[in-house]
Structure formats: C-alpha cells, structure tokens
C-alpha atoms as a PDB file:
ATOM      1  CA  UNK A   1      13.614  22.825   1.863  1.00  0.00           C
ATOM      2  CA  UNK A   2      11.459  20.460   2.660  1.00  0.00           C
ATOM      3  CA  UNK A   3       7.870  21.380   1.512  1.00  0.00           C
ATOM      4  CA  UNK A   4       4.725  17.989   1.387  1.00  0.00           C
ATOM      5  CA  UNK A   5       7.055  14.707   0.932  1.00  0.00           C
ATOM      6  CA  UNK A   6       9.431  16.891  -1.407  1.00  0.00           C
ATOM      7  CA  UNK A   7      13.663  17.362  -0.919  1.00  0.00           C
ATOM      8  CA  UNK A   8      14.422  20.760  -3.149  1.00  0.00           C
ATOM      9  CA  UNK A   9      18.041  21.299  -2.852  1.00  0.00           C
ATOM     10  CA  UNK A  10      20.164  23.941  -4.923  1.00  0.00           C
ATOM     11  CA  UNK A  11      22.777  22.921  -7.030  1.00  0.00           C
ATOM     12  CA  UNK A  12      25.625  23.949  -7.883  1.00  0.00           C
ATOM     13  CA  UNK A  13      24.357  25.255 -11.211  1.00  0.00           C
ATOM     14  CA  UNK A  14      21.796  27.060  -9.608  1.00  0.00           C
ATOM     15  CA  UNK A  15      19.060  24.659 -10.465  1.00  0.00           C
ATOM     16  CA  UNK A  16      17.031  22.115  -8.346  1.00  0.00           C
ATOM     17  CA  UNK A  17      16.959  18.845  -7.817  1.00  0.00           C
ATOM     18  CA  UNK A  18      13.656  16.671  -6.339  1.00  0.00           C
ATOM     19  CA  UNK A  19      13.894  13.886  -3.774  1.00  0.00           C
ATOM     20  CA  UNK A  20      10.933  11.847  -1.497  1.00  0.00           C
ATOM     21  CA  UNK A  21      11.438  13.231   1.904  1.00  0.00           C
ATOM     22  CA  UNK A  22      10.602  11.088   4.373  1.00  0.00           C
ATOM     23  CA  UNK A  23       9.499  12.998   7.800  1.00  0.00           C
ATOM     24  CA  UNK A  24      12.125  10.537  10.948  1.00  0.00           C
ATOM     25  CA  UNK A  25       8.973   8.322  11.963  1.00  0.00           C
ATOM     26  CA  UNK A  26       8.023   7.330   8.995  1.00  0.00           C
ATOM     27  CA  UNK A  27       7.436   3.269   8.950  1.00  0.00           C
ATOM     28  CA  UNK A  28       7.530   2.895   5.116  1.00  0.00           C
ATOM     29  CA  UNK A  29       4.003   0.942   5.817  1.00  0.00           C
ATOM     30  CA  UNK A  30       1.008   2.017   3.422  1.00  0.00           C
ATOM     31  CA  UNK A  31      -1.303  -1.070   3.168  1.00  0.00           C
ATOM     32  CA  UNK A  32      -0.266  -4.085   4.571  1.00  0.00           C
ATOM     33  CA  UNK A  33      -0.993  -6.990   1.885  1.00  0.00           C
ATOM     34  CA  UNK A  34      -3.035  -9.412   5.112  1.00  0.00           C
ATOM     35  CA  UNK A  35      -5.337  -5.934   5.629  1.00  0.00           C
ATOM     36  CA  UNK A  36      -8.991  -6.371   4.545  1.00  0.00           C
ATOM     37  CA  UNK A  37      -8.484  -4.183   1.140  1.00  0.00           C
ATOM     38  CA  UNK A  38      -9.755  -4.831  -1.944  1.00  0.00           C
ATOM     39  CA  UNK A  39      -6.091  -5.936  -3.852  1.00  0.00           C
ATOM     40  CA  UNK A  40      -6.424  -3.068  -6.388  1.00  0.00           C
ATOM     41  CA  UNK A  41      -6.249  -0.793  -3.617  1.00  0.00           C
ATOM     42  CA  UNK A  42      -2.939  -2.327  -2.225  1.00  0.00           C
ATOM     43  CA  UNK A  43      -1.891  -3.156  -5.695  1.00  0.00           C
ATOM     44  CA  UNK A  44      -2.672   1.324  -6.446  1.00  0.00           C
ATOM     45  CA  UNK A  45      -0.848   2.483  -3.285  1.00  0.00           C
ATOM     46  CA  UNK A  46       2.263   1.032  -4.583  1.00  0.00           C
ATOM     47  CA  UNK A  47       1.351   2.308  -9.003  1.00  0.00           C
ATOM     48  CA  UNK A  48       0.668   5.947  -7.688  1.00  0.00           C
ATOM     49  CA  UNK A  49       3.801   5.519  -5.356  1.00  0.00           C
ATOM     50  CA  UNK A  50       5.661   4.486  -9.037  1.00  0.00           C
ATOM     51  CA  UNK A  51       3.829   6.792 -11.000  1.00  0.00           C
ATOM     52  CA  UNK A  52       4.698   9.895  -8.305  1.00  0.00           C
ATOM     53  CA  UNK A  53       8.951   8.690  -8.167  1.00  0.00           C
ATOM     54  CA  UNK A  54       9.041   9.077 -11.719  1.00  0.00           C
ATOM     55  CA  UNK A  55       8.190  11.682 -11.852  1.00  0.00           C
ATOM     56  CA  UNK A  56       9.457  13.950  -9.060  1.00  0.00           C
ATOM     57  CA  UNK A  57      12.601  12.531  -9.065  1.00  0.00           C
ATOM     58  CA  UNK A  58      16.382  11.703 -10.824  1.00  0.00           C
ATOM     59  CA  UNK A  59      16.451   8.334 -12.629  1.00  0.00           C
ATOM     60  CA  UNK A  60      19.603   7.832 -10.439  1.00  0.00           C
ATOM     61  CA  UNK A  61      17.078   8.955  -7.013  1.00  0.00           C
ATOM     62  CA  UNK A  62      14.204   6.447  -8.793  1.00  0.00           C
ATOM     63  CA  UNK A  63      16.686   3.413  -8.488  1.00  0.00           C
ATOM     64  CA  UNK A  64      17.778   4.289  -4.862  1.00  0.00           C
ATOM     65  CA  UNK A  65      13.600   4.855  -4.411  1.00  0.00           C
ATOM     66  CA  UNK A  66      13.163   0.877  -5.408  1.00  0.00           C
ATOM     67  CA  UNK A  67      16.028  -0.174  -3.797  1.00  0.00           C
ATOM     68  CA  UNK A  68      14.718   1.160   0.200  1.00  0.00           C
ATOM     69  CA  UNK A  69      10.569  -0.478  -0.944  1.00  0.00           C
ATOM     70  CA  UNK A  70      11.857  -3.248  -2.047  1.00  0.00           C
ATOM     71  CA  UNK A  71      13.449  -3.823   1.272  1.00  0.00           C
ATOM     72  CA  UNK A  72      10.140  -2.978   3.496  1.00  0.00           C
ATOM     73  CA  UNK A  73       7.892  -4.674   1.034  1.00  0.00           C
ATOM     74  CA  UNK A  74       6.321  -7.347   2.688  1.00  0.00           C
ATOM     75  CA  UNK A  75       3.817  -8.498   0.262  1.00  0.00           C
ATOM     76  CA  UNK A  76       2.716 -12.169  -0.468  1.00  0.00           C
ATOM     77  CA  UNK A  77       3.103 -11.939  -4.105  1.00  0.00           C
ATOM     78  CA  UNK A  78       6.120 -10.724  -3.720  1.00  0.00           C
ATOM     79  CA  UNK A  79       7.328 -13.541  -1.777  1.00  0.00           C
ATOM     80  CA  UNK A  80       4.798 -16.469  -3.148  1.00  0.00           C
ATOM     81  CA  UNK A  81       5.187 -15.968  -6.408  1.00  0.00           C
ATOM     82  CA  UNK A  82       5.589 -12.002  -7.972  1.00  0.00           C
ATOM     83  CA  UNK A  83       3.515 -10.024 -10.459  1.00  0.00           C
ATOM     84  CA  UNK A  84       1.751 -13.087 -11.739  1.00  0.00           C
ATOM     85  CA  UNK A  85       0.644 -14.057  -7.936  1.00  0.00           C
ATOM     86  CA  UNK A  86      -0.467 -10.586  -7.824  1.00  0.00           C
ATOM     87  CA  UNK A  87      -2.403 -10.473 -11.396  1.00  0.00           C
ATOM     88  CA  UNK A  88      -3.918 -12.968 -10.207  1.00  0.00           C
ATOM     89  CA  UNK A  89      -5.359 -12.469  -6.436  1.00  0.00           C
ATOM     90  CA  UNK A  90      -6.520  -9.355  -8.815  1.00  0.00           C
ATOM     91  CA  UNK A  91      -8.207 -10.922 -11.732  1.00  0.00           C
ATOM     92  CA  UNK A  92     -10.640 -13.605  -9.310  1.00  0.00           C
ATOM     93  CA  UNK A  93     -11.345 -11.322  -7.073  1.00  0.00           C
ATOM     94  CA  UNK A  94     -12.397  -8.543  -9.687  1.00  0.00           C
ATOM     95  CA  UNK A  95     -14.516 -11.865 -11.231  1.00  0.00           C
ATOM     96  CA  UNK A  96     -15.886 -12.170  -7.563  1.00  0.00           C
ATOM     97  CA  UNK A  97     -17.066  -9.415  -7.089  1.00  0.00           C
ATOM     98  CA  UNK A  98     -18.807  -9.086 -10.107  1.00  0.00           C
ATOM     99  CA  UNK A  99     -20.272 -11.968  -9.476  1.00  0.00           C
ATOM    100  CA  UNK A 100     -21.437 -12.174  -6.209  1.00  0.00           C
ATOM    101  CA  UNK A 101     -22.467  -8.688  -6.783  1.00  0.00           C
ATOM    102  CA  UNK A 102     -25.227  -9.368  -8.979  1.00  0.00           C
ATOM    103  CA  UNK A 103     -26.053 -12.605  -6.812  1.00  0.00           C
ATOM    104  CA  UNK A 104     -27.182 -10.113  -4.657  1.00  0.00           C
ATOM    105  CA  UNK A 105     -28.579  -7.863  -6.994  1.00  0.00           C
ATOM    106  CA  UNK A 106     -30.659 -10.755  -8.005  1.00  0.00           C
ATOM    107  CA  UNK A 107     -31.643 -11.914  -3.982  1.00  0.00           C
ATOM    108  CA  UNK A 108     -32.054  -8.691  -2.474  1.00  0.00           C
ATOM    109  CA  UNK A 109     -34.483  -7.212  -5.555  1.00  0.00           C
ATOM    110  CA  UNK A 110     -32.391  -4.154  -6.161  1.00  0.00           C
ATOM    111  CA  UNK A 111     -32.574  -4.039  -9.620  1.00  0.00           C
ATOM    112  CA  UNK A 112     -35.799  -1.581  -9.588  1.00  0.00           C
ATOM    113  CA  UNK A 113     -33.244   1.021  -7.539  1.00  0.00           C
ATOM    114  CA  UNK A 114     -29.990   1.084 -10.021  1.00  0.00           C
ATOM    115  CA  UNK A 115     -28.473  -2.322  -8.325  1.00  0.00           C
ATOM    116  CA  UNK A 116     -25.965  -2.209  -5.861  1.00  0.00           C
ATOM    117  CA  UNK A 117     -22.376  -2.685  -6.169  1.00  0.00           C
ATOM    118  CA  UNK A 118     -20.078  -3.140  -3.566  1.00  0.00           C
ATOM    119  CA  UNK A 119     -16.294  -3.669  -2.764  1.00  0.00           C
ATOM    120  CA  UNK A 120     -14.055  -8.122  -2.598  1.00  0.00           C
ATOM    121  CA  UNK A 121     -15.491  -7.771   0.836  1.00  0.00           C
ATOM    122  CA  UNK A 122     -18.581  -7.061   1.083  1.00  0.00           C
ATOM    123  CA  UNK A 123     -20.070  -9.003  -2.098  1.00  0.00           C
ATOM    124  CA  UNK A 124     -18.866 -11.866   0.008  1.00  0.00           C
ATOM    125  CA  UNK A 125     -19.928 -11.230   3.762  1.00  0.00           C
ATOM    126  CA  UNK A 126     -23.337  -8.700   2.493  1.00  0.00           C
ATOM    127  CA  UNK A 127     -24.135 -11.433   0.577  1.00  0.00           C
ATOM    128  CA  UNK A 128     -24.380 -14.501   3.793  1.00  0.00           C
ATOM    129  CA  UNK A 129     -25.819 -11.034   6.215  1.00  0.00           C
ATOM    130  CA  UNK A 130     -28.588 -10.313   4.087  1.00  0.00           C
ATOM    131  CA  UNK A 131     -29.556 -13.275   2.861  1.00  0.00           C
ATOM    132  CA  UNK A 132     -29.672 -14.958   7.343  1.00  0.00           C
ATOM    133  CA  UNK A 133     -32.084 -11.716   7.338  1.00  0.00           C
ATOM    134  CA  UNK A 134     -33.557 -11.252   4.770  1.00  0.00           C
ATOM    135  CA  UNK A 135     -34.876 -15.614   5.489  1.00  0.00           C
ATOM    136  CA  UNK A 136     -34.553 -15.548   8.941  1.00  0.00           C
ATOM    137  CA  UNK A 137     -35.179 -11.756  10.657  1.00  0.00           C
ATOM    138  CA  UNK A 138     -34.992 -10.363  14.038  1.00  0.00           C
ATOM    139  CA  UNK A 139     -32.824 -14.018  14.825  1.00  0.00           C
ATOM    140  CA  UNK A 140     -30.811 -13.780  11.306  1.00  0.00           C
ATOM    141  CA  UNK A 141     -30.114 -10.104  12.312  1.00  0.00           C
ATOM    142  CA  UNK A 142     -29.106 -11.965  16.154  1.00  0.00           C
ATOM    143  CA  UNK A 143     -26.865 -14.251  14.659  1.00  0.00           C
ATOM    144  CA  UNK A 144     -25.409 -11.583  11.905  1.00  0.00           C
ATOM    145  CA  UNK A 145     -24.991  -9.542  15.547  1.00  0.00           C
ATOM    146  CA  UNK A 146     -22.479 -12.055  17.566  1.00  0.00           C
ATOM    147  CA  UNK A 147     -21.327 -13.010  14.512  1.00  0.00           C
ATOM    148  CA  UNK A 148     -19.121  -9.871  13.692  1.00  0.00           C
ATOM    149  CA  UNK A 149     -18.050  -8.947  16.866  1.00  0.00           C
ATOM    150  CA  UNK A 150     -17.202 -12.719  17.813  1.00  0.00           C
ATOM    151  CA  UNK A 151     -14.780 -12.766  14.746  1.00  0.00           C
ATOM    152  CA  UNK A 152     -12.523 -10.652  16.251  1.00  0.00           C
ATOM    153  CA  UNK A 153     -12.872 -11.738  19.866  1.00  0.00           C
ATOM    154  CA  UNK A 154     -11.136 -15.650  18.754  1.00  0.00           C
ATOM    155  CA  UNK A 155      -8.825 -13.980  16.151  1.00  0.00           C
ATOM    156  CA  UNK A 156      -8.140 -12.120  20.074  1.00  0.00           C
ATOM    157  CA  UNK A 157      -7.996 -16.145  21.284  1.00  0.00           C
ATOM    158  CA  UNK A 158      -5.741 -17.598  19.218  1.00  0.00           C
ATOM    159  CA  UNK A 159      -2.917 -14.456  18.807  1.00  0.00           C
ATOM    160  CA  UNK A 160      -2.745 -12.896  21.842  1.00  0.00           C
ATOM    161  CA  UNK A 161       1.238 -12.502  21.723  1.00  0.00           C
ATOM    162  CA  UNK A 162       1.019 -10.828  17.792  1.00  0.00           C
ATOM    163  CA  UNK A 163      -2.458  -9.685  17.723  1.00  0.00           C
ATOM    164  CA  UNK A 164      -1.887  -5.856  17.968  1.00  0.00           C
ATOM    165  CA  UNK A 165       1.878  -5.512  16.926  1.00  0.00           C
ATOM    166  CA  UNK A 166       0.872  -6.670  13.233  1.00  0.00           C
ATOM    167  CA  UNK A 167      -1.181  -4.135  12.633  1.00  0.00           C
ATOM    168  CA  UNK A 168       1.503  -1.430  14.776  1.00  0.00           C
ATOM    169  CA  UNK A 169       4.706  -2.215  13.768  1.00  0.00           C
ATOM    170  CA  UNK A 170       4.562  -4.784  10.905  1.00  0.00           C
ATOM    171  CA  UNK A 171       8.551  -5.902  10.873  1.00  0.00           C
ATOM    172  CA  UNK A 172       9.365  -5.648  14.800  1.00  0.00           C
ATOM    173  CA  UNK A 173       6.358  -8.090  13.950  1.00  0.00           C
ATOM    174  CA  UNK A 174       8.301  -9.844  11.884  1.00  0.00           C
ATOM    175  CA  UNK A 175      11.212  -9.433  13.853  1.00  0.00           C
ATOM    176  CA  UNK A 176       9.970 -11.059  16.802  1.00  0.00           C
ATOM    177  CA  UNK A 177       8.236 -14.205  15.504  1.00  0.00           C
ATOM    178  CA  UNK A 178      11.483 -15.344  13.471  1.00  0.00           C
ATOM    179  CA  UNK A 179      13.373 -14.962  17.024  1.00  0.00           C
ATOM    180  CA  UNK A 180       9.995 -17.087  18.694  1.00  0.00           C
ATOM    181  CA  UNK A 181       9.763 -19.750  15.958  1.00  0.00           C
ATOM    182  CA  UNK A 182      14.079 -19.528  16.250  1.00  0.00           C
ATOM    183  CA  UNK A 183      13.305 -20.634  20.089  1.00  0.00           C
ATOM    184  CA  UNK A 184      10.546 -23.407  19.511  1.00  0.00           C
ATOM    185  CA  UNK A 185      12.997 -24.691  16.661  1.00  0.00           C
END
C-alpha cells in the first residue's frame, strides 16, 4: 500500500516495513546545484531527505536509497570537492549575505524600519539596482529593467540548443552534451 511517498509492506510475521515510494514519473531531481536557489536551501534538501529516510526506513533500505541518490546526484560539490567544497561555498555565501545586507541597510537608510534581510542573490543584485535607482532615478530604473530583461535573452542566444533542456531534463541534457563533445573531438 502506498501513502504519500511511503510504501508500506506487510511482512509474514505481521509487522510492517516502510520503504520510500516514488511515482513512475519521478525524475530524482530536486534542486539543481546551478540553480539560483541559495546554497543553504540546496543542502537542506539533501539533509531533509536523509533525515526523513533515516526515520521511516530500515538500515538496508536506507543504504539502497543512498546508492540510488549518489548515482543520480549531479552537483558541483560532489564533482569538485565534496563536503569540503559545499561547506566553504555555504560559509562564504552566508558571510556575503550578511555583509551585503548590512551595506543595503546603510545605503538605503533602512535601519529606522527594522533593517533588511534578503537571500544572497538579492543581497547582491538589489544593492546594484537600488543604488542605480537612488542616484539615477527613472533612468536607473530603465537601465535595470533593460538589463533584467536582456539577461535571459543573452543566455538563450549563447546556448539555444540546451537552454530549455537543462531545466526540464538535466540527465538527458548531460548525455546530449557529452555526445556532442565526443563528436566534436
């Protein structure tokens, strides 16, 4: 019997065994490492999945799940340094988030309103957008709007073949890119 993302098995001795259940359409993709999500969110997906499986499954099933996820994990830290790289990236992004958030509070005079806190992506981009709009007015707003609209267009022009497949089916994107590189060599 399946319930949410668990499969409940009745053993011959009358006890139950719980394993992880995935729909046939499940892709084993949660958050791509190259996405714009904060690093802490990406790491929390792995942590939450591990904690969840350690609660509901038995040891041999947990080891099988770990093998399954190691085989399908395509993350930068796993390929470029493992836990050490993930830890360093998370630490540096956290420091940048706090420092740039403090700069935003000072630059925009937000301390009277309780300060400001944003993720690392907003701590970087909002500072640039806010300062250009503060000092250039409507012209700064126009520049920021044009830049934000141009960025995806430029990304598409640089990578027309893989622009959509990289987010829709990352595994087939990797396979197709490797085939293209092999043919080019």
